[in-house]
């Protein structure tokens, strides 16, 4: 009986979400969180990331905007390092609007800084990311997102790149727009 009510609730949620806002002129605000590990040269690291963003739909299913990332990275037993990155991104929703679940592809580029310990100071960085995954529309104004994300970052003072593959969980809110 619990499964029946759960299935009924999911169906009702999906039916109400069928009017997703992917039209030109719609503003999208939200963000993602992620945690994981990566390999940087011979070092293994753990990280936590928070990325708020704002975008506008340029066409049906196509948006562009600004993303800001804040990361805290722990390398082995060393003190944590704080990083920030800001830059543009483009996103495309594969399935036409009106479906409760859509698939998106995202590409971004950013510039930022790495703030290590006081004695080590700061250095610049730049890099790109690619991500894709489902957007599950909870109603016509909000979506939960789960994305497979790949990023490649190059710090100014280091020879190696930091390449990261992980999962990001996000939430987006859609304002205005429509026909």
Foldseek 3Di string as FASTA:
>chain_A
DVVVVVVVVVVVQFQQAQQAPQAFFKKKWKWKWWWDWFQWPNWIKIKIKIKIWIWGRHHRQKIKTKIKMWMWMDIDPFHIKIKIWMWMKIKGWDDGGRGQKTKMKMKIKIKIKIQGDPVVGMWIKIWMKIKMFMWGGSHRFKTKTKIFMWIWMDTPPDDTIIIDTTIMIMMMTIDDHDD
